[in-house]
Amino acid sequence: MKNLWMILAVGLFCTGCSKDNSEPLDEGNFSQLFGGKPYRGTARGVRSQPNAEDYIWNGEGRIAVIEATNDSVSVVFMADFDNDGEINLKFRGKMDGAELRLEAADTESYFVISQQKIDGKIENAAQNMSFDGILQRGKADLAMSVYFKKADGTFPAGSTLNLQLNTSREIPAENDNDSGCGVRVVPIWGPNGMTMGMVPDC
């Protein structure tokens, strides 16, 4: 399997983001609470064919909140499996206090971080994806499941990828938004095909 699994990079960029009336859990906006130093830990990927797991990847997981503006921010989930490849997921959404929300126009696809819980679903012609997890100031976990309707590299049609990131960090001091990271450019998949996007390099 070595060198066969390249980059699976997924992004959902909303054209219409909605808000709700939830009260933030802490003072400060989403970027202030969760930005700064990235979360680091482990990544585990499992490929399943019908009724059987047939390949497992273990590596490093990272989660970072970057590119904040007055009302929007990007969240990046990264899994590095050395020579087997990497997964980069980048979501940009609207901040509403301590929450992040994005919904793709005219679809049922969405990605939400609310009350420190991650929830999402993306459906397109090639894949069905679901997201679950937590994002707290000192801990962030993500569980992602991808069902491949069409073959994609080392993932045959009908196969499933289950990815788990378990990460943590020291809570940054107040007003410390320095991540200590550079940036690098990687392929990011979007509704209009592959584009290039920045992710943290640290």
N, C-alpha and C. Protein backbone atom coordinates (compact mmCIF):
# COMPACT_ATOMS: atom_id res chain seq x y z
N MET A 1 0.83 -1.21 0.00
CA MET A 1 0.00 0.00 0.00
C MET A 1 0.87 1.26 0.00
N LYS A 2 2.12 1.14 0.37
CA LYS A 2 3.00 2.30 0.47
C LYS A 2 3.07 3.04 -0.85
N ASN A 3 3.00 4.37 -0.77
CA ASN A 3 3.07 5.27 -1.92
C ASN A 3 1.83 5.22 -2.81
N LEU A 4 0.82 4.45 -2.46
CA LEU A 4 -0.39 4.39 -3.26
C LEU A 4 -1.43 5.39 -2.80
N TRP A 5 -1.39 5.74 -1.54
CA TRP A 5 -2.39 6.66 -1.00
C TRP A 5 -1.83 8.07 -1.03
N MET A 6 -2.35 8.87 -1.89
CA MET A 6 -1.84 10.22 -2.03
C MET A 6 -2.64 11.16 -1.12
N ILE A 7 -3.02 12.31 -1.61
CA ILE A 7 -3.71 13.30 -0.77
C ILE A 7 -5.20 13.26 -1.04
N LEU A 8 -5.97 13.05 0.01
CA LEU A 8 -7.41 13.25 -0.05
C LEU A 8 -7.69 14.53 0.71
N ALA A 9 -8.03 15.58 -0.01
CA ALA A 9 -8.23 16.88 0.63
C ALA A 9 -9.63 17.36 0.32
N VAL A 10 -10.34 17.77 1.34
CA VAL A 10 -11.75 18.11 1.20
C VAL A 10 -12.00 19.48 1.78
N GLY A 11 -12.76 20.30 1.09
CA GLY A 11 -13.16 21.59 1.63
C GLY A 11 -14.58 21.91 1.27
N LEU A 12 -15.28 22.56 2.15
CA LEU A 12 -16.63 23.02 1.89
C LEU A 12 -16.63 24.52 2.15
N PHE A 13 -16.84 25.31 1.11
CA PHE A 13 -16.82 26.75 1.24
C PHE A 13 -18.24 27.25 1.02
N CYS A 14 -18.83 27.84 2.05
CA CYS A 14 -20.24 28.19 1.98
C CYS A 14 -20.42 29.50 1.23
N THR A 15 -21.54 29.59 0.51
CA THR A 15 -21.92 30.84 -0.12
C THR A 15 -23.03 31.53 0.67
N GLY A 16 -23.67 30.80 1.55
CA GLY A 16 -24.68 31.39 2.42
C GLY A 16 -24.59 30.76 3.78
N CYS A 17 -24.15 31.50 4.79
CA CYS A 17 -24.00 30.95 6.13
C CYS A 17 -25.13 31.49 7.00
N SER A 18 -25.67 30.62 7.85
CA SER A 18 -26.76 31.04 8.71
C SER A 18 -26.31 31.07 10.15
N LYS A 19 -27.04 31.79 10.98
CA LYS A 19 -26.75 31.91 12.39
C LYS A 19 -27.91 31.35 13.20
N ASP A 20 -27.63 31.00 14.46
CA ASP A 20 -28.71 30.67 15.38
C ASP A 20 -28.58 31.56 16.60
N ASN A 21 -29.45 31.35 17.58
CA ASN A 21 -29.49 32.23 18.74
C ASN A 21 -28.82 31.62 19.96
N SER A 22 -27.96 30.61 19.78
CA SER A 22 -27.30 29.98 20.92
C SER A 22 -26.38 30.97 21.63
N GLU A 23 -26.34 30.89 22.93
CA GLU A 23 -25.45 31.74 23.70
C GLU A 23 -24.05 31.12 23.71
N PRO A 24 -23.00 31.91 23.51
CA PRO A 24 -21.65 31.37 23.57
C PRO A 24 -21.32 30.85 24.96
N LEU A 25 -20.47 29.80 25.02
CA LEU A 25 -20.12 29.23 26.30
C LEU A 25 -19.11 30.09 27.05
N ASP A 26 -18.27 30.82 26.34
CA ASP A 26 -17.23 31.63 26.96
C ASP A 26 -17.24 33.01 26.32
N GLU A 27 -16.61 33.95 27.03
CA GLU A 27 -16.46 35.27 26.44
C GLU A 27 -15.41 35.19 25.32
N GLY A 28 -15.62 35.97 24.28
CA GLY A 28 -14.70 35.96 23.16
C GLY A 28 -15.30 35.22 21.99
N ASN A 29 -14.79 35.53 20.79
CA ASN A 29 -15.33 34.86 19.61
C ASN A 29 -14.60 33.56 19.34
N PHE A 30 -15.04 32.84 18.32
CA PHE A 30 -14.53 31.51 18.00
C PHE A 30 -13.01 31.54 17.78
N SER A 31 -12.54 32.51 17.03
CA SER A 31 -11.11 32.60 16.73
C SER A 31 -10.30 32.87 17.99
N GLN A 32 -10.78 33.74 18.86
CA GLN A 32 -10.07 34.04 20.10
C GLN A 32 -10.00 32.84 21.03
N LEU A 33 -11.06 32.04 21.05
CA LEU A 33 -11.11 30.89 21.95
C LEU A 33 -10.30 29.71 21.45
N PHE A 34 -10.35 29.44 20.14
CA PHE A 34 -9.77 28.22 19.61
C PHE A 34 -8.58 28.44 18.68
N GLY A 35 -8.27 29.70 18.36
CA GLY A 35 -7.13 30.00 17.51
C GLY A 35 -5.82 29.95 18.28
N GLY A 36 -4.76 30.35 17.61
CA GLY A 36 -3.44 30.34 18.23
C GLY A 36 -2.76 29.00 18.05
N LYS A 37 -2.19 28.48 19.10
CA LYS A 37 -1.41 27.24 19.01
C LYS A 37 -2.27 26.09 18.50
N PRO A 38 -1.75 25.31 17.55
CA PRO A 38 -2.54 24.19 17.02
C PRO A 38 -2.64 23.05 18.03
N TYR A 39 -3.63 22.23 17.83
CA TYR A 39 -3.81 21.00 18.60
C TYR A 39 -2.98 19.90 17.92
N ARG A 40 -2.33 19.05 18.72
CA ARG A 40 -1.50 17.98 18.18
C ARG A 40 -1.82 16.66 18.86
N GLY A 41 -1.68 15.58 18.11
CA GLY A 41 -1.93 14.27 18.70
C GLY A 41 -1.82 13.18 17.66
N THR A 42 -2.76 12.25 17.70
CA THR A 42 -2.68 11.07 16.84
C THR A 42 -3.76 11.09 15.78
N ALA A 43 -3.48 10.37 14.69
CA ALA A 43 -4.45 10.16 13.61
C ALA A 43 -4.48 8.67 13.29
N ARG A 44 -5.66 8.16 13.05
CA ARG A 44 -5.83 6.75 12.69
C ARG A 44 -6.85 6.66 11.56
N GLY A 45 -6.47 6.03 10.47
CA GLY A 45 -7.36 5.83 9.34
C GLY A 45 -7.58 4.35 9.10
N VAL A 46 -8.82 3.97 8.83
CA VAL A 46 -9.15 2.57 8.56
C VAL A 46 -9.95 2.51 7.27
N ARG A 47 -9.44 1.74 6.30
CA ARG A 47 -10.19 1.51 5.07
C ARG A 47 -10.96 0.19 5.20
N SER A 48 -12.24 0.24 4.83
CA SER A 48 -13.08 -0.95 4.88
C SER A 48 -13.67 -1.23 3.52
N GLN A 49 -13.62 -2.47 3.11
CA GLN A 49 -14.39 -2.96 1.98
C GLN A 49 -15.68 -3.53 2.58
N PRO A 50 -16.65 -3.91 1.78
CA PRO A 50 -17.88 -4.46 2.36
C PRO A 50 -17.59 -5.59 3.35
N ASN A 51 -18.00 -5.35 4.59
CA ASN A 51 -17.94 -6.35 5.67
C ASN A 51 -16.55 -6.65 6.22
N ALA A 52 -15.53 -5.88 5.85
CA ALA A 52 -14.19 -6.20 6.35
C ALA A 52 -13.29 -4.97 6.31
N GLU A 53 -12.51 -4.77 7.40
CA GLU A 53 -11.44 -3.78 7.41
C GLU A 53 -10.23 -4.39 6.71
N ASP A 54 -9.62 -3.65 5.77
CA ASP A 54 -8.50 -4.26 5.04
C ASP A 54 -7.23 -3.42 5.03
N TYR A 55 -7.22 -2.23 5.62
CA TYR A 55 -5.97 -1.48 5.73
C TYR A 55 -6.12 -0.44 6.83
N ILE A 56 -5.02 -0.24 7.60
CA ILE A 56 -5.02 0.71 8.72
C ILE A 56 -3.80 1.61 8.60
N TRP A 57 -4.00 2.91 8.78
CA TRP A 57 -2.92 3.88 8.82
C TRP A 57 -2.87 4.49 10.22
N ASN A 58 -1.66 4.71 10.74
CA ASN A 58 -1.47 5.42 12.00
C ASN A 58 -0.44 6.52 11.79
N GLY A 59 -0.72 7.70 12.34
CA GLY A 59 0.20 8.81 12.16
C GLY A 59 -0.10 9.96 13.10
N GLU A 60 0.28 11.16 12.66
CA GLU A 60 0.14 12.36 13.47
C GLU A 60 -1.09 13.15 13.04
N GLY A 61 -1.84 13.63 14.03
CA GLY A 61 -3.00 14.47 13.76
C GLY A 61 -2.78 15.88 14.28
N ARG A 62 -3.31 16.85 13.54
CA ARG A 62 -3.24 18.25 13.96
C ARG A 62 -4.54 18.95 13.58
N ILE A 63 -4.93 19.90 14.39
CA ILE A 63 -6.12 20.71 14.15
C ILE A 63 -5.75 22.15 14.44
N ALA A 64 -6.13 23.07 13.54
CA ALA A 64 -5.77 24.48 13.72
C ALA A 64 -6.90 25.38 13.24
N VAL A 65 -7.01 26.54 13.88
CA VAL A 65 -7.96 27.59 13.50
C VAL A 65 -7.13 28.74 12.95
N ILE A 66 -7.35 29.09 11.67
CA ILE A 66 -6.49 30.06 11.00
C ILE A 66 -7.32 31.04 10.16
N GLU A 67 -6.64 32.04 9.61
CA GLU A 67 -7.19 32.98 8.62
C GLU A 67 -8.45 33.70 9.12
N ALA A 68 -8.40 34.19 10.35
CA ALA A 68 -9.56 34.87 10.91
C ALA A 68 -9.73 36.26 10.32
N THR A 69 -10.97 36.64 10.03
CA THR A 69 -11.33 38.01 9.70
C THR A 69 -12.32 38.48 10.77
N ASN A 70 -13.00 39.58 10.52
CA ASN A 70 -13.94 40.09 11.52
C ASN A 70 -15.08 39.12 11.80
N ASP A 71 -15.51 38.35 10.79
CA ASP A 71 -16.69 37.51 11.00
C ASP A 71 -16.56 36.08 10.49
N SER A 72 -15.40 35.70 9.96
CA SER A 72 -15.24 34.34 9.46
C SER A 72 -13.85 33.81 9.79
N VAL A 73 -13.71 32.48 9.69
CA VAL A 73 -12.45 31.84 10.06
C VAL A 73 -12.39 30.46 9.40
N SER A 74 -11.18 29.93 9.26
CA SER A 74 -10.99 28.59 8.71
C SER A 74 -10.56 27.62 9.81
N VAL A 75 -11.09 26.40 9.75
CA VAL A 75 -10.66 25.31 10.63
C VAL A 75 -10.05 24.23 9.75
N VAL A 76 -8.84 23.78 10.10
CA VAL A 76 -8.11 22.81 9.30
C VAL A 76 -7.86 21.55 10.13
N PHE A 77 -8.20 20.40 9.55
CA PHE A 77 -7.93 19.11 10.15
C PHE A 77 -6.91 18.38 9.29
N MET A 78 -5.81 17.92 9.90
CA MET A 78 -4.71 17.34 9.14
C MET A 78 -4.30 16.00 9.73
N ALA A 79 -4.11 15.01 8.86
CA ALA A 79 -3.59 13.71 9.26
C ALA A 79 -2.39 13.39 8.38
N ASP A 80 -1.24 13.13 9.00
CA ASP A 80 -0.01 12.87 8.27
C ASP A 80 0.40 11.42 8.51
N PHE A 81 0.40 10.62 7.43
CA PHE A 81 0.75 9.21 7.52
C PHE A 81 2.08 8.92 6.81
N ASP A 82 3.02 9.83 6.95
CA ASP A 82 4.36 9.68 6.38
C ASP A 82 4.29 9.37 4.89
N ASN A 83 4.98 8.31 4.45
CA ASN A 83 5.07 8.02 3.02
C ASN A 83 3.75 7.57 2.41
N ASP A 84 2.78 7.18 3.24
CA ASP A 84 1.50 6.74 2.70
C ASP A 84 0.62 7.91 2.27
N GLY A 85 0.94 9.11 2.70
CA GLY A 85 0.17 10.27 2.27
C GLY A 85 -0.40 11.06 3.43
N GLU A 86 -1.31 11.94 3.12
CA GLU A 86 -1.90 12.82 4.12
C GLU A 86 -3.32 13.17 3.74
N ILE A 87 -4.08 13.59 4.74
CA ILE A 87 -5.44 14.07 4.54
C ILE A 87 -5.50 15.49 5.07
N ASN A 88 -6.01 16.42 4.27
CA ASN A 88 -6.17 17.81 4.69
C ASN A 88 -7.61 18.23 4.44
N LEU A 89 -8.30 18.63 5.50
CA LEU A 89 -9.68 19.11 5.39
C LEU A 89 -9.71 20.54 5.88
N LYS A 90 -10.30 21.40 5.09
CA LYS A 90 -10.34 22.82 5.44
C LYS A 90 -11.75 23.35 5.27
N PHE A 91 -12.29 23.90 6.35
CA PHE A 91 -13.64 24.45 6.34
C PHE A 91 -13.57 25.93 6.71
N ARG A 92 -14.25 26.76 5.94
CA ARG A 92 -14.32 28.19 6.27
C ARG A 92 -15.77 28.56 6.50
N GLY A 93 -16.04 29.15 7.65
CA GLY A 93 -17.42 29.47 7.98
C GLY A 93 -17.56 30.77 8.72
N LYS A 94 -18.79 31.09 9.03
CA LYS A 94 -19.16 32.32 9.70
C LYS A 94 -19.08 32.13 11.22
N MET A 95 -18.43 33.05 11.91
CA MET A 95 -18.39 33.01 13.36
C MET A 95 -19.65 33.65 13.93
N ASP A 96 -20.18 33.02 14.97
CA ASP A 96 -21.29 33.59 15.73
C ASP A 96 -20.97 33.38 17.19
N GLY A 97 -20.29 34.37 17.78
CA GLY A 97 -19.79 34.19 19.14
C GLY A 97 -18.78 33.06 19.18
N ALA A 98 -19.00 32.08 20.05
CA ALA A 98 -18.09 30.95 20.19
C ALA A 98 -18.41 29.82 19.22
N GLU A 99 -19.25 30.07 18.23
CA GLU A 99 -19.69 29.02 17.32
C GLU A 99 -19.24 29.31 15.89
N LEU A 100 -19.21 28.25 15.10
CA LEU A 100 -18.88 28.34 13.68
C LEU A 100 -19.94 27.58 12.90
N ARG A 101 -20.42 28.17 11.82
CA ARG A 101 -21.48 27.53 11.05
C ARG A 101 -21.29 27.83 9.57
N LEU A 102 -21.43 26.77 8.75
CA LEU A 102 -21.47 26.97 7.31
C LEU A 102 -22.41 25.94 6.70
N GLU A 103 -23.13 26.40 5.71
CA GLU A 103 -24.06 25.56 4.98
C GLU A 103 -23.93 25.89 3.51
N ALA A 104 -23.76 24.87 2.68
CA ALA A 104 -23.63 25.10 1.25
C ALA A 104 -25.00 25.46 0.67
N ALA A 105 -25.03 26.48 -0.16
CA ALA A 105 -26.29 26.95 -0.73
C ALA A 105 -26.96 25.85 -1.56
N ASP A 106 -28.27 25.69 -1.39
CA ASP A 106 -29.09 24.78 -2.20
C ASP A 106 -28.69 23.32 -2.05
N THR A 107 -28.07 22.94 -0.95
CA THR A 107 -27.75 21.53 -0.68
C THR A 107 -28.04 21.24 0.77
N GLU A 108 -27.95 19.97 1.14
CA GLU A 108 -28.10 19.57 2.54
C GLU A 108 -26.75 19.47 3.24
N SER A 109 -25.66 19.87 2.58
CA SER A 109 -24.33 19.80 3.18
C SER A 109 -24.14 20.91 4.19
N TYR A 110 -23.50 20.59 5.31
CA TYR A 110 -23.27 21.59 6.35
C TYR A 110 -22.09 21.14 7.22
N PHE A 111 -21.54 22.10 7.96
CA PHE A 111 -20.50 21.83 8.95
C PHE A 111 -20.68 22.84 10.06
N VAL A 112 -20.86 22.37 11.30
CA VAL A 112 -21.20 23.24 12.42
C VAL A 112 -20.34 22.86 13.62
N ILE A 113 -19.82 23.86 14.31
CA ILE A 113 -19.22 23.67 15.63
C ILE A 113 -20.01 24.54 16.59
N SER A 114 -20.80 23.91 17.45
CA SER A 114 -21.72 24.62 18.35
C SER A 114 -21.69 23.96 19.72
N GLN A 115 -21.64 24.77 20.77
CA GLN A 115 -21.55 24.25 22.14
C GLN A 115 -20.40 23.24 22.26
N GLN A 116 -19.30 23.57 21.58
CA GLN A 116 -18.06 22.79 21.59
C GLN A 116 -18.21 21.41 20.95
N LYS A 117 -19.25 21.18 20.17
CA LYS A 117 -19.46 19.91 19.49
C LYS A 117 -19.37 20.11 17.98
N ILE A 118 -18.73 19.17 17.29
CA ILE A 118 -18.58 19.20 15.83
C ILE A 118 -19.64 18.30 15.21
N ASP A 119 -20.30 18.82 14.18
CA ASP A 119 -21.32 18.05 13.47
C ASP A 119 -21.30 18.45 12.01
N GLY A 120 -21.38 17.50 11.10
CA GLY A 120 -21.37 17.86 9.69
C GLY A 120 -21.75 16.72 8.79
N LYS A 121 -22.14 17.08 7.57
CA LYS A 121 -22.47 16.10 6.54
C LYS A 121 -22.23 16.76 5.19
N ILE A 122 -21.54 16.04 4.31
CA ILE A 122 -21.31 16.51 2.94
C ILE A 122 -21.67 15.37 2.00
N GLU A 123 -22.50 15.67 1.02
CA GLU A 123 -22.85 14.69 0.01
C GLU A 123 -22.61 15.28 -1.36
N ASN A 124 -21.92 14.52 -2.22
CA ASN A 124 -21.72 14.94 -3.60
C ASN A 124 -21.76 13.70 -4.49
N ALA A 125 -21.47 13.86 -5.76
CA ALA A 125 -21.60 12.75 -6.69
C ALA A 125 -20.62 11.63 -6.42
N ALA A 126 -19.49 11.94 -5.76
CA ALA A 126 -18.44 10.94 -5.57
C ALA A 126 -18.40 10.34 -4.18
N GLN A 127 -18.85 11.10 -3.14
CA GLN A 127 -18.65 10.67 -1.77
C GLN A 127 -19.80 11.13 -0.88
N ASN A 128 -20.02 10.38 0.19
CA ASN A 128 -20.85 10.81 1.33
C ASN A 128 -19.93 10.91 2.53
N MET A 129 -19.94 12.04 3.23
CA MET A 129 -19.07 12.24 4.39
C MET A 129 -19.89 12.66 5.59
N SER A 130 -19.49 12.19 6.77
CA SER A 130 -20.10 12.63 8.00
C SER A 130 -19.01 12.97 9.01
N PHE A 131 -19.30 13.92 9.90
CA PHE A 131 -18.32 14.43 10.85
C PHE A 131 -18.95 14.50 12.24
N ASP A 132 -18.16 14.15 13.26
CA ASP A 132 -18.60 14.21 14.64
C ASP A 132 -17.37 14.47 15.49
N GLY A 133 -17.54 15.16 16.62
CA GLY A 133 -16.39 15.38 17.47
C GLY A 133 -16.60 16.49 18.47
N ILE A 134 -15.48 16.92 19.07
CA ILE A 134 -15.52 18.02 20.04
C ILE A 134 -14.40 19.00 19.72
N LEU A 135 -14.61 20.25 20.06
CA LEU A 135 -13.58 21.28 19.99
C LEU A 135 -13.67 22.10 21.26
N GLN A 136 -12.71 21.89 22.15
CA GLN A 136 -12.60 22.63 23.41
C GLN A 136 -11.30 23.40 23.40
N ARG A 137 -11.10 24.27 24.36
CA ARG A 137 -9.89 25.09 24.32
C ARG A 137 -8.62 24.26 24.45
N GLY A 138 -8.68 23.15 25.18
CA GLY A 138 -7.48 22.34 25.36
C GLY A 138 -7.53 20.98 24.70
N LYS A 139 -8.64 20.64 24.06
CA LYS A 139 -8.79 19.30 23.49
C LYS A 139 -9.66 19.37 22.25
N ALA A 140 -9.31 18.59 21.21
CA ALA A 140 -10.10 18.55 19.99
C ALA A 140 -10.03 17.15 19.40
N ASP A 141 -11.18 16.55 19.15
CA ASP A 141 -11.27 15.23 18.55
C ASP A 141 -12.20 15.30 17.34
N LEU A 142 -11.87 14.55 16.31
CA LEU A 142 -12.73 14.47 15.13
C LEU A 142 -12.86 13.03 14.69
N ALA A 143 -14.09 12.61 14.40
CA ALA A 143 -14.36 11.33 13.75
C ALA A 143 -15.01 11.63 12.42
N MET A 144 -14.39 11.16 11.34
CA MET A 144 -14.91 11.39 9.98
C MET A 144 -15.11 10.05 9.29
N SER A 145 -16.22 9.91 8.60
CA SER A 145 -16.48 8.72 7.80
C SER A 145 -16.76 9.14 6.36
N VAL A 146 -16.07 8.51 5.41
CA VAL A 146 -16.24 8.82 3.99
C VAL A 146 -16.62 7.54 3.26
N TYR A 147 -17.77 7.55 2.61
CA TYR A 147 -18.18 6.44 1.75
C TYR A 147 -17.92 6.84 0.31
N PHE A 148 -17.18 6.02 -0.42
CA PHE A 148 -16.78 6.34 -1.79
C PHE A 148 -17.77 5.72 -2.77
N LYS A 149 -18.56 6.59 -3.41
CA LYS A 149 -19.48 6.12 -4.45
C LYS A 149 -18.73 5.77 -5.73
N LYS A 150 -17.60 6.47 -5.95
CA LYS A 150 -16.75 6.22 -7.11
C LYS A 150 -15.34 5.95 -6.62
N ALA A 151 -14.57 5.20 -7.39
CA ALA A 151 -13.19 4.91 -7.02
C ALA A 151 -12.38 6.21 -6.96
N ASP A 152 -11.48 6.30 -5.97
CA ASP A 152 -10.62 7.47 -5.80
C ASP A 152 -9.27 6.98 -5.29
N GLY A 153 -8.31 6.82 -6.21
CA GLY A 153 -6.99 6.35 -5.82
C GLY A 153 -7.05 4.96 -5.22
N THR A 154 -6.59 4.85 -3.98
CA THR A 154 -6.56 3.55 -3.31
C THR A 154 -7.89 3.17 -2.67
N PHE A 155 -8.94 3.98 -2.88
CA PHE A 155 -10.26 3.68 -2.33
C PHE A 155 -11.20 3.26 -3.45
N PRO A 156 -11.50 1.95 -3.56
CA PRO A 156 -12.43 1.49 -4.60
C PRO A 156 -13.84 1.99 -4.34
N ALA A 157 -14.66 2.00 -5.37
CA ALA A 157 -16.07 2.31 -5.20
C ALA A 157 -16.67 1.31 -4.21
N GLY A 158 -17.47 1.82 -3.27
CA GLY A 158 -18.08 0.97 -2.26
C GLY A 158 -17.26 0.83 -0.99
N SER A 159 -16.04 1.38 -0.97
CA SER A 159 -15.22 1.31 0.24
C SER A 159 -15.52 2.50 1.16
N THR A 160 -15.03 2.40 2.39
CA THR A 160 -15.25 3.44 3.40
C THR A 160 -13.94 3.77 4.09
N LEU A 161 -13.69 5.05 4.33
CA LEU A 161 -12.58 5.50 5.16
C LEU A 161 -13.15 6.04 6.46
N ASN A 162 -12.68 5.52 7.58
CA ASN A 162 -12.99 6.09 8.89
C ASN A 162 -11.72 6.70 9.46
N LEU A 163 -11.76 7.99 9.73
CA LEU A 163 -10.60 8.72 10.23
C LEU A 163 -10.90 9.25 11.63
N GLN A 164 -9.95 9.06 12.54
CA GLN A 164 -10.09 9.55 13.92
C GLN A 164 -8.89 10.41 14.26
N LEU A 165 -9.11 11.66 14.67
CA LEU A 165 -8.07 12.53 15.19
C LEU A 165 -8.32 12.74 16.68
N ASN A 166 -7.29 12.57 17.50
CA ASN A 166 -7.37 12.83 18.93
C ASN A 166 -6.22 13.76 19.28
N THR A 167 -6.52 15.02 19.59
CA THR A 167 -5.48 16.03 19.77
C THR A 167 -5.73 16.86 21.02
N SER A 168 -4.68 17.55 21.46
CA SER A 168 -4.78 18.43 22.62
C SER A 168 -3.71 19.51 22.51
N ARG A 169 -3.76 20.48 23.43
CA ARG A 169 -2.76 21.54 23.47
C ARG A 169 -2.81 22.19 24.84
N GLU A 170 -1.76 22.94 25.17
CA GLU A 170 -1.82 23.82 26.33
C GLU A 170 -2.67 25.02 25.94
N ILE A 171 -3.58 25.40 26.81
CA ILE A 171 -4.46 26.54 26.50
C ILE A 171 -3.63 27.81 26.41
N PRO A 172 -3.70 28.52 25.27
CA PRO A 172 -2.88 29.72 25.12
C PRO A 172 -3.25 30.79 26.14
N ALA A 173 -2.26 31.61 26.48
CA ALA A 173 -2.53 32.75 27.36
C ALA A 173 -3.44 33.74 26.66
N GLU A 174 -4.12 34.55 27.42
CA GLU A 174 -5.05 35.53 26.86
C GLU A 174 -4.31 36.43 25.87
N ASN A 175 -4.93 36.66 24.73
CA ASN A 175 -4.40 37.51 23.66
C ASN A 175 -3.16 36.92 22.98
N ASP A 176 -2.87 35.63 23.22
CA ASP A 176 -1.76 34.97 22.53
C ASP A 176 -2.31 34.25 21.32
N ASN A 177 -2.27 34.91 20.16
CA ASN A 177 -2.79 34.32 18.93
C ASN A 177 -1.68 33.82 18.01
N ASP A 178 -0.45 33.72 18.53
CA ASP A 178 0.67 33.28 17.73
C ASP A 178 0.69 31.75 17.69
N SER A 179 0.50 31.18 16.50
CA SER A 179 0.47 29.73 16.38
C SER A 179 1.86 29.12 16.35
N GLY A 180 2.88 29.94 16.05
CA GLY A 180 4.22 29.41 15.90
C GLY A 180 4.41 28.60 14.63
N CYS A 181 3.49 28.72 13.68
CA CYS A 181 3.52 27.92 12.46
C CYS A 181 3.71 28.79 11.24
N GLY A 182 4.32 28.21 10.21
CA GLY A 182 4.29 28.80 8.88
C GLY A 182 3.07 28.26 8.15
N VAL A 183 3.08 28.40 6.84
CA VAL A 183 1.99 27.84 6.03
C VAL A 183 2.57 27.14 4.81
N ARG A 184 1.81 26.19 4.26
CA ARG A 184 2.17 25.56 3.01
C ARG A 184 0.90 25.40 2.18
N VAL A 185 1.08 25.22 0.89
CA VAL A 185 -0.05 25.13 -0.03
C VAL A 185 -0.24 23.67 -0.44
N VAL A 186 -1.48 23.18 -0.32
CA VAL A 186 -1.81 21.80 -0.69
C VAL A 186 -3.08 21.80 -1.53
N PRO A 187 -3.35 20.71 -2.26
CA PRO A 187 -4.62 20.63 -2.99
C PRO A 187 -5.80 20.55 -2.02
N ILE A 188 -6.83 21.32 -2.30
CA ILE A 188 -8.06 21.31 -1.52
C ILE A 188 -9.20 21.04 -2.48
N TRP A 189 -10.02 20.05 -2.20
CA TRP A 189 -11.17 19.74 -3.04
C TRP A 189 -12.32 20.64 -2.67
N GLY A 190 -12.98 21.22 -3.67
CA GLY A 190 -14.16 22.04 -3.44
C GLY A 190 -15.24 21.69 -4.44
N PRO A 191 -16.40 22.32 -4.33
CA PRO A 191 -17.52 22.01 -5.23
C PRO A 191 -17.17 22.18 -6.70
N ASN A 192 -16.19 23.03 -7.02
CA ASN A 192 -15.81 23.25 -8.41
C ASN A 192 -14.55 22.50 -8.81
N GLY A 193 -14.15 21.52 -8.02
CA GLY A 193 -12.96 20.74 -8.33
C GLY A 193 -11.80 21.08 -7.42
N MET A 194 -10.61 20.64 -7.79
CA MET A 194 -9.43 20.85 -6.96
C MET A 194 -8.93 22.28 -7.08
N THR A 195 -8.63 22.86 -5.93
CA THR A 195 -7.98 24.16 -5.87
C THR A 195 -6.81 24.03 -4.91
N MET A 196 -5.98 25.06 -4.84
CA MET A 196 -4.87 25.05 -3.92
C MET A 196 -5.25 25.92 -2.72
N GLY A 197 -4.95 25.43 -1.53
CA GLY A 197 -5.27 26.18 -0.32
C GLY A 197 -4.16 26.08 0.70
N MET A 198 -4.09 27.03 1.61
CA MET A 198 -3.05 27.08 2.63
C MET A 198 -3.48 26.30 3.86
N VAL A 199 -2.52 25.55 4.43
CA VAL A 199 -2.73 24.89 5.71
C VAL A 199 -1.49 25.18 6.57
N PRO A 200 -1.61 25.08 7.89
CA PRO A 200 -0.45 25.33 8.76
C PRO A 200 0.69 24.34 8.50
N ASP A 201 1.90 24.80 8.61
CA ASP A 201 3.08 23.97 8.47
C ASP A 201 3.86 24.06 9.77
N CYS A 202 3.58 23.12 10.68
CA CYS A 202 4.22 23.17 12.00
C CYS A 202 4.20 21.79 12.63
